[in-house]
């Protein structure tokens, strides 16, 4: 899925003028590694105001940027020091107790630049099936923190959150098992970590993640 420059330019702009300018530059030149680096440095400078968060965005490879565009992936930056409570403070409109209270494991790990599939894939499948698919394609299921970052970036870039019309599986929400999540158009975040691994539903899919090659 290739997003043309014209289609990106016609989307709603962010309200924050600093982010608006950064996103406009990104839309114009998103295949340039220095632009991607600068965009994400600016985003985290704005999102992370008041937080003790060190962010050093690496330069992505040009080939991975083109591959991400070809497959319709978002390129996101997840800082290694990020945690749920920080995200709750950055995006209070999520109104999610689990995030605000920092419940569950921190699954950020080393963070870094990541490619995130934007379309819900493999709908109506069990957790075991999705794990097999992830292994087959060399990706992994998205985590809680990654999902929030990707959704907030999608809102900046495309004017909509991920999964406003469905649910996605989220890795490692309870005792290593997947849960499910959904963003509402107003920015509220729904999360459920009690679903069975065997749960299947027509509007429940998954977003896969893989690292971006950097230098």
C-alpha atoms as a PDB file:
ATOM      1  CA  UNK A   1       0.000   0.000   0.000  1.00  0.00           C
ATOM      2  CA  UNK A   2       1.752   3.138  -1.197  1.00  0.00           C
ATOM      3  CA  UNK A   3       0.529   6.459   0.189  1.00  0.00           C
ATOM      4  CA  UNK A   4       1.052   9.159  -2.437  1.00  0.00           C
ATOM      5  CA  UNK A   5       2.393  12.570  -1.491  1.00  0.00           C
ATOM      6  CA  UNK A   6      -0.918  14.085  -2.601  1.00  0.00           C
ATOM      7  CA  UNK A   7      -2.982  11.799  -0.368  1.00  0.00           C
ATOM      8  CA  UNK A   8      -0.759  12.508   2.659  1.00  0.00           C
ATOM      9  CA  UNK A   9      -0.902  16.267   2.095  1.00  0.00           C
ATOM     10  CA  UNK A  10      -4.718  16.229   2.071  1.00  0.00           C
ATOM     11  CA  UNK A  11      -4.959  14.757   5.589  1.00  0.00           C
ATOM     12  CA  UNK A  12      -5.775  16.827   8.694  1.00  0.00           C
ATOM     13  CA  UNK A  13      -2.757  18.521  10.292  1.00  0.00           C
ATOM     14  CA  UNK A  14      -1.841  18.117  13.993  1.00  0.00           C
ATOM     15  CA  UNK A  15      -2.957  20.939  16.292  1.00  0.00           C
ATOM     16  CA  UNK A  16       0.500  21.408  17.852  1.00  0.00           C
ATOM     17  CA  UNK A  17       2.297  23.812  15.442  1.00  0.00           C
ATOM     18  CA  UNK A  18       5.717  22.274  16.064  1.00  0.00           C
ATOM     19  CA  UNK A  19       4.406  18.786  15.342  1.00  0.00           C
ATOM     20  CA  UNK A  20       2.371  20.097  12.416  1.00  0.00           C
ATOM     21  CA  UNK A  21       5.490  21.545  10.775  1.00  0.00           C
ATOM     22  CA  UNK A  22       7.496  18.378  11.443  1.00  0.00           C
ATOM     23  CA  UNK A  23       4.786  16.141   9.987  1.00  0.00           C
ATOM     24  CA  UNK A  24       4.424  18.362   6.918  1.00  0.00           C
ATOM     25  CA  UNK A  25       8.152  18.043   6.230  1.00  0.00           C
ATOM     26  CA  UNK A  26       7.939  14.289   6.821  1.00  0.00           C
ATOM     27  CA  UNK A  27       5.081  13.927   4.336  1.00  0.00           C
ATOM     28  CA  UNK A  28       7.141  15.735   1.712  1.00  0.00           C
ATOM     29  CA  UNK A  29      10.357  13.775   2.186  1.00  0.00           C
ATOM     30  CA  UNK A  30       9.712  10.612   4.200  1.00  0.00           C
ATOM     31  CA  UNK A  31      12.304   8.541   2.332  1.00  0.00           C
ATOM     32  CA  UNK A  32      15.199  10.679   3.517  1.00  0.00           C
ATOM     33  CA  UNK A  33      16.861   9.166   6.636  1.00  0.00           C
ATOM     34  CA  UNK A  34      17.784  12.571   8.061  1.00  0.00           C
ATOM     35  CA  UNK A  35      14.149  13.693   7.814  1.00  0.00           C
ATOM     36  CA  UNK A  36      12.909  10.563   9.606  1.00  0.00           C
ATOM     37  CA  UNK A  37      15.507  11.063  12.341  1.00  0.00           C
ATOM     38  CA  UNK A  38      14.675  14.754  12.749  1.00  0.00           C
ATOM     39  CA  UNK A  39      10.922  14.112  12.715  1.00  0.00           C
ATOM     40  CA  UNK A  40      11.093  11.585  15.523  1.00  0.00           C
ATOM     41  CA  UNK A  41      13.497  13.722  17.561  1.00  0.00           C
ATOM     42  CA  UNK A  42      10.951  16.537  17.296  1.00  0.00           C
ATOM     43  CA  UNK A  43       8.001  14.281  18.122  1.00  0.00           C
ATOM     44  CA  UNK A  44       9.611  12.948  21.275  1.00  0.00           C
ATOM     45  CA  UNK A  45      10.807  16.401  22.259  1.00  0.00           C
ATOM     46  CA  UNK A  46       7.161  17.493  22.224  1.00  0.00           C
ATOM     47  CA  UNK A  47       5.521  14.322  23.547  1.00  0.00           C
ATOM     48  CA  UNK A  48       8.141  13.883  26.266  1.00  0.00           C
ATOM     49  CA  UNK A  49       8.102  17.368  27.751  1.00  0.00           C
ATOM     50  CA  UNK A  50       8.505  17.076  31.513  1.00  0.00           C
ATOM     51  CA  UNK A  51       9.590  13.430  31.306  1.00  0.00           C
ATOM     52  CA  UNK A  52      13.031  12.028  32.055  1.00  0.00           C
ATOM     53  CA  UNK A  53      13.373  10.441  28.647  1.00  0.00           C
ATOM     54  CA  UNK A  54      16.554  10.342  26.584  1.00  0.00           C
ATOM     55  CA  UNK A  55      15.937   9.819  22.881  1.00  0.00           C
ATOM     56  CA  UNK A  56      18.614   9.292  20.243  1.00  0.00           C
ATOM     57  CA  UNK A  57      17.024   8.416  16.921  1.00  0.00           C
ATOM     58  CA  UNK A  58      19.323   6.469  14.567  1.00  0.00           C
ATOM     59  CA  UNK A  59      19.396   6.940  10.806  1.00  0.00           C
ATOM     60  CA  UNK A  60      17.164   4.366   9.069  1.00  0.00           C
ATOM     61  CA  UNK A  61      18.242   2.649   5.871  1.00  0.00           C
ATOM     62  CA  UNK A  62      16.693   4.053   2.692  1.00  0.00           C
ATOM     63  CA  UNK A  63      15.786   0.567   1.495  1.00  0.00           C
ATOM     64  CA  UNK A  64      13.806  -0.124   4.678  1.00  0.00           C
ATOM     65  CA  UNK A  65      11.957   3.186   4.349  1.00  0.00           C
ATOM     66  CA  UNK A  66      10.899   2.254   0.823  1.00  0.00           C
ATOM     67  CA  UNK A  67       9.958  -1.258   1.939  1.00  0.00           C
ATOM     68  CA  UNK A  68       7.845   0.159   4.758  1.00  0.00           C
ATOM     69  CA  UNK A  69       6.023   2.405   2.305  1.00  0.00           C
ATOM     70  CA  UNK A  70       5.477  -0.465  -0.127  1.00  0.00           C
ATOM     71  CA  UNK A  71       3.872  -2.644   2.548  1.00  0.00           C
ATOM     72  CA  UNK A  72       1.953   0.192   4.205  1.00  0.00           C
ATOM     73  CA  UNK A  73       3.994   0.033   7.417  1.00  0.00           C
ATOM     74  CA  UNK A  74       4.457   2.904   9.847  1.00  0.00           C
ATOM     75  CA  UNK A  75       8.035   3.698  10.848  1.00  0.00           C
ATOM     76  CA  UNK A  76       8.030   4.540  14.558  1.00  0.00           C
ATOM     77  CA  UNK A  77      10.640   5.310  17.193  1.00  0.00           C
ATOM     78  CA  UNK A  78      10.243   3.738  20.648  1.00  0.00           C
ATOM     79  CA  UNK A  79      12.746   5.057  23.232  1.00  0.00           C
ATOM     80  CA  UNK A  80      14.296   2.429  25.504  1.00  0.00           C
ATOM     81  CA  UNK A  81      13.349   4.319  28.689  1.00  0.00           C
ATOM     82  CA  UNK A  82       9.670   4.631  27.826  1.00  0.00           C
ATOM     83  CA  UNK A  83       7.058   3.155  30.175  1.00  0.00           C
ATOM     84  CA  UNK A  84       3.284   2.976  30.481  1.00  0.00           C
ATOM     85  CA  UNK A  85       2.946   5.713  33.102  1.00  0.00           C
ATOM     86  CA  UNK A  86       4.824   8.130  30.869  1.00  0.00           C
ATOM     87  CA  UNK A  87       2.473   7.331  28.003  1.00  0.00           C
ATOM     88  CA  UNK A  88      -0.505   7.869  30.271  1.00  0.00           C
ATOM     89  CA  UNK A  89       0.762  11.334  31.162  1.00  0.00           C
ATOM     90  CA  UNK A  90       1.610  12.184  27.547  1.00  0.00           C
ATOM     91  CA  UNK A  91      -1.793  11.108  26.249  1.00  0.00           C
ATOM     92  CA  UNK A  92      -4.344  11.605  29.040  1.00  0.00           C
ATOM     93  CA  UNK A  93      -7.160  11.315  26.517  1.00  0.00           C
ATOM     94  CA  UNK A  94      -6.557   7.539  26.506  1.00  0.00           C
ATOM     95  CA  UNK A  95      -8.169   7.377  29.962  1.00  0.00           C
ATOM     96  CA  UNK A  96      -6.846   3.873  30.495  1.00  0.00           C
ATOM     97  CA  UNK A  97      -6.317   2.718  34.084  1.00  0.00           C
ATOM     98  CA  UNK A  98      -3.878  -0.049  33.141  1.00  0.00           C
ATOM     99  CA  UNK A  99      -1.608   2.434  31.377  1.00  0.00           C
ATOM    100  CA  UNK A 100      -1.965   5.216  33.959  1.00  0.00           C
ATOM    101  CA  UNK A 101      -1.153   2.807  36.793  1.00  0.00           C
ATOM    102  CA  UNK A 102       1.689   1.137  34.908  1.00  0.00           C
ATOM    103  CA  UNK A 103       0.209  -2.347  35.283  1.00  0.00           C
ATOM    104  CA  UNK A 104       1.763  -5.321  33.558  1.00  0.00           C
ATOM    105  CA  UNK A 105       5.318  -5.817  32.376  1.00  0.00           C
ATOM    106  CA  UNK A 106       7.270  -3.126  30.574  1.00  0.00           C
ATOM    107  CA  UNK A 107       7.757  -4.618  27.120  1.00  0.00           C
ATOM    108  CA  UNK A 108       9.765  -1.820  25.495  1.00  0.00           C
ATOM    109  CA  UNK A 109      13.113  -3.580  25.811  1.00  0.00           C
ATOM    110  CA  UNK A 110      15.804  -1.808  23.817  1.00  0.00           C
ATOM    111  CA  UNK A 111      13.243   0.109  21.785  1.00  0.00           C
ATOM    112  CA  UNK A 112      14.516   1.648  18.545  1.00  0.00           C
ATOM    113  CA  UNK A 113      13.129   2.291  15.086  1.00  0.00           C
ATOM    114  CA  UNK A 114      10.429  -0.182  14.128  1.00  0.00           C
ATOM    115  CA  UNK A 115       8.173  -0.999  11.209  1.00  0.00           C
ATOM    116  CA  UNK A 116       4.562  -1.589  12.237  1.00  0.00           C
ATOM    117  CA  UNK A 117       1.947  -3.074   9.928  1.00  0.00           C
ATOM    118  CA  UNK A 118      -1.038  -0.739   9.828  1.00  0.00           C
ATOM    119  CA  UNK A 119      -3.746  -3.049   8.554  1.00  0.00           C
ATOM    120  CA  UNK A 120      -5.378  -5.597  10.813  1.00  0.00           C
ATOM    121  CA  UNK A 121      -4.299  -8.933   9.376  1.00  0.00           C
ATOM    122  CA  UNK A 122      -5.241 -12.541  10.109  1.00  0.00           C
ATOM    123  CA  UNK A 123      -8.709 -11.745  11.438  1.00  0.00           C
ATOM    124  CA  UNK A 124     -10.688 -14.324  13.401  1.00  0.00           C
ATOM    125  CA  UNK A 125      -7.658 -16.428  14.366  1.00  0.00           C
ATOM    126  CA  UNK A 126      -6.362 -17.926  17.612  1.00  0.00           C
ATOM    127  CA  UNK A 127      -3.289 -16.714  19.476  1.00  0.00           C
ATOM    128  CA  UNK A 128      -1.358 -19.859  18.583  1.00  0.00           C
ATOM    129  CA  UNK A 129      -2.056 -19.397  14.890  1.00  0.00           C
ATOM    130  CA  UNK A 130      -0.849 -15.787  15.033  1.00  0.00           C
ATOM    131  CA  UNK A 131       2.365 -16.802  16.788  1.00  0.00           C
ATOM    132  CA  UNK A 132       3.013 -19.290  13.987  1.00  0.00           C
ATOM    133  CA  UNK A 133       2.405 -16.601  11.355  1.00  0.00           C
ATOM    134  CA  UNK A 134       4.780 -14.204  13.121  1.00  0.00           C
ATOM    135  CA  UNK A 135       7.538 -16.810  13.131  1.00  0.00           C
ATOM    136  CA  UNK A 136       6.905 -17.642   9.480  1.00  0.00           C
ATOM    137  CA  UNK A 137       7.196 -14.021   8.275  1.00  0.00           C
ATOM    138  CA  UNK A 138      10.022 -13.035  10.616  1.00  0.00           C
ATOM    139  CA  UNK A 139       8.066 -10.477  12.622  1.00  0.00           C
ATOM    140  CA  UNK A 140       6.532 -10.397  16.097  1.00  0.00           C
ATOM    141  CA  UNK A 141       3.193  -9.288  17.575  1.00  0.00           C
ATOM    142  CA  UNK A 142       3.022  -5.652  18.681  1.00  0.00           C
ATOM    143  CA  UNK A 143       3.416  -4.800  22.373  1.00  0.00           C
ATOM    144  CA  UNK A 144       1.378  -2.368  24.483  1.00  0.00           C
ATOM    145  CA  UNK A 145       3.851   0.503  24.386  1.00  0.00           C
ATOM    146  CA  UNK A 146       4.548   0.043  20.687  1.00  0.00           C
ATOM    147  CA  UNK A 147       0.837  -0.012  19.947  1.00  0.00           C
ATOM    148  CA  UNK A 148       0.273   3.301  21.710  1.00  0.00           C
ATOM    149  CA  UNK A 149       3.215   4.973  19.969  1.00  0.00           C
ATOM    150  CA  UNK A 150       2.123   3.656  16.572  1.00  0.00           C
ATOM    151  CA  UNK A 151      -1.476   4.744  17.132  1.00  0.00           C
ATOM    152  CA  UNK A 152      -0.493   8.235  18.261  1.00  0.00           C
ATOM    153  CA  UNK A 153       1.803   8.599  15.250  1.00  0.00           C
ATOM    154  CA  UNK A 154      -0.983   7.362  12.973  1.00  0.00           C
ATOM    155  CA  UNK A 155      -3.188  10.091  14.418  1.00  0.00           C
ATOM    156  CA  UNK A 156      -0.522  12.714  13.640  1.00  0.00           C
ATOM    157  CA  UNK A 157       0.158  11.414  10.149  1.00  0.00           C
ATOM    158  CA  UNK A 158      -3.207  10.116   8.947  1.00  0.00           C
ATOM    159  CA  UNK A 159      -5.761  11.775  11.233  1.00  0.00           C
ATOM    160  CA  UNK A 160      -6.971   8.446  12.670  1.00  0.00           C
ATOM    161  CA  UNK A 161      -5.823   6.001  15.342  1.00  0.00           C
ATOM    162  CA  UNK A 162      -5.134   2.349  14.592  1.00  0.00           C
ATOM    163  CA  UNK A 163      -8.138   0.042  14.963  1.00  0.00           C
ATOM    164  CA  UNK A 164     -10.906   2.592  15.342  1.00  0.00           C
ATOM    165  CA  UNK A 165     -13.201  -0.018  13.750  1.00  0.00           C
ATOM    166  CA  UNK A 166     -11.850  -3.243  15.200  1.00  0.00           C
ATOM    167  CA  UNK A 167      -9.534  -4.876  17.725  1.00  0.00           C
ATOM    168  CA  UNK A 168      -5.932  -6.017  17.656  1.00  0.00           C
ATOM    169  CA  UNK A 169      -4.045  -8.642  19.622  1.00  0.00           C
ATOM    170  CA  UNK A 170      -1.381  -7.230  21.941  1.00  0.00           C
ATOM    171  CA  UNK A 171       1.606  -9.327  23.014  1.00  0.00           C
ATOM    172  CA  UNK A 172       2.460 -10.153  26.621  1.00  0.00           C
ATOM    173  CA  UNK A 173      -0.450  -8.502  28.423  1.00  0.00           C
ATOM    174  CA  UNK A 174      -0.997 -11.205  31.052  1.00  0.00           C
ATOM    175  CA  UNK A 175       1.370 -14.023  32.024  1.00  0.00           C
ATOM    176  CA  UNK A 176       2.925 -13.984  28.562  1.00  0.00           C
ATOM    177  CA  UNK A 177      -0.418 -14.252  26.780  1.00  0.00           C
ATOM    178  CA  UNK A 178      -1.888 -11.810  24.313  1.00  0.00           C
ATOM    179  CA  UNK A 179      -4.715  -9.433  25.113  1.00  0.00           C
ATOM    180  CA  UNK A 180      -6.670  -7.154  22.820  1.00  0.00           C
ATOM    181  CA  UNK A 181      -6.958  -3.405  22.363  1.00  0.00           C
ATOM    182  CA  UNK A 182      -8.769  -0.735  20.396  1.00  0.00           C
ATOM    183  CA  UNK A 183      -8.553   3.032  20.033  1.00  0.00           C
ATOM    184  CA  UNK A 184     -11.755   5.042  19.786  1.00  0.00           C
ATOM    185  CA  UNK A 185     -11.907   8.144  17.541  1.00  0.00           C
ATOM    186  CA  UNK A 186     -11.913  10.420  20.617  1.00  0.00           C
ATOM    187  CA  UNK A 187      -8.578   8.948  21.723  1.00  0.00           C
ATOM    188  CA  UNK A 188      -9.841   6.598  24.447  1.00  0.00           C
ATOM    189  CA  UNK A 189      -7.939   3.315  24.671  1.00  0.00           C
ATOM    190  CA  UNK A 190      -9.735   0.060  25.444  1.00  0.00           C
ATOM    191  CA  UNK A 191      -7.664  -2.890  26.673  1.00  0.00           C
ATOM    192  CA  UNK A 192      -8.667  -6.398  27.686  1.00  0.00           C
ATOM    193  CA  UNK A 193      -6.064  -8.852  28.997  1.00  0.00           C
ATOM    194  CA  UNK A 194      -8.566 -11.549  30.029  1.00  0.00           C
ATOM    195  CA  UNK A 195      -9.387 -13.042  26.622  1.00  0.00           C
ATOM    196  CA  UNK A 196      -8.594 -16.688  26.005  1.00  0.00           C
ATOM    197  CA  UNK A 197      -5.824 -17.679  23.557  1.00  0.00           C
ATOM    198  CA  UNK A 198      -8.558 -19.554  21.693  1.00  0.00           C
ATOM    199  CA  UNK A 199     -10.777 -16.473  21.303  1.00  0.00           C
ATOM    200  CA  UNK A 200     -11.658 -15.744  17.694  1.00  0.00           C
ATOM    201  CA  UNK A 201     -13.766 -12.876  16.378  1.00  0.00           C
ATOM    202  CA  UNK A 202     -14.253 -11.401  12.893  1.00  0.00           C
ATOM    203  CA  UNK A 203     -12.975  -7.943  13.868  1.00  0.00           C
ATOM    204  CA  UNK A 204      -9.968  -9.126  15.921  1.00  0.00           C
ATOM    205  CA  UNK A 205      -6.661  -9.112  14.054  1.00  0.00           C
ATOM    206  CA  UNK A 206      -3.064  -8.237  14.734  1.00  0.00           C
ATOM    207  CA  UNK A 207      -0.275  -5.779  13.903  1.00  0.00           C
ATOM    208  CA  UNK A 208       3.180  -7.219  13.370  1.00  0.00           C
ATOM    209  CA  UNK A 209       6.470  -5.458  14.138  1.00  0.00           C
ATOM    210  CA  UNK A 210      10.020  -5.738  12.883  1.00  0.00           C
ATOM    211  CA  UNK A 211      13.157  -3.634  13.464  1.00  0.00           C
ATOM    212  CA  UNK A 212      14.242  -1.055  10.908  1.00  0.00           C
ATOM    213  CA  UNK A 213      17.783  -1.430   9.623  1.00  0.00           C
ATOM    214  CA  UNK A 214      19.814   1.553  10.855  1.00  0.00           C
ATOM    215  CA  UNK A 215      23.288   3.036  10.631  1.00  0.00           C
END
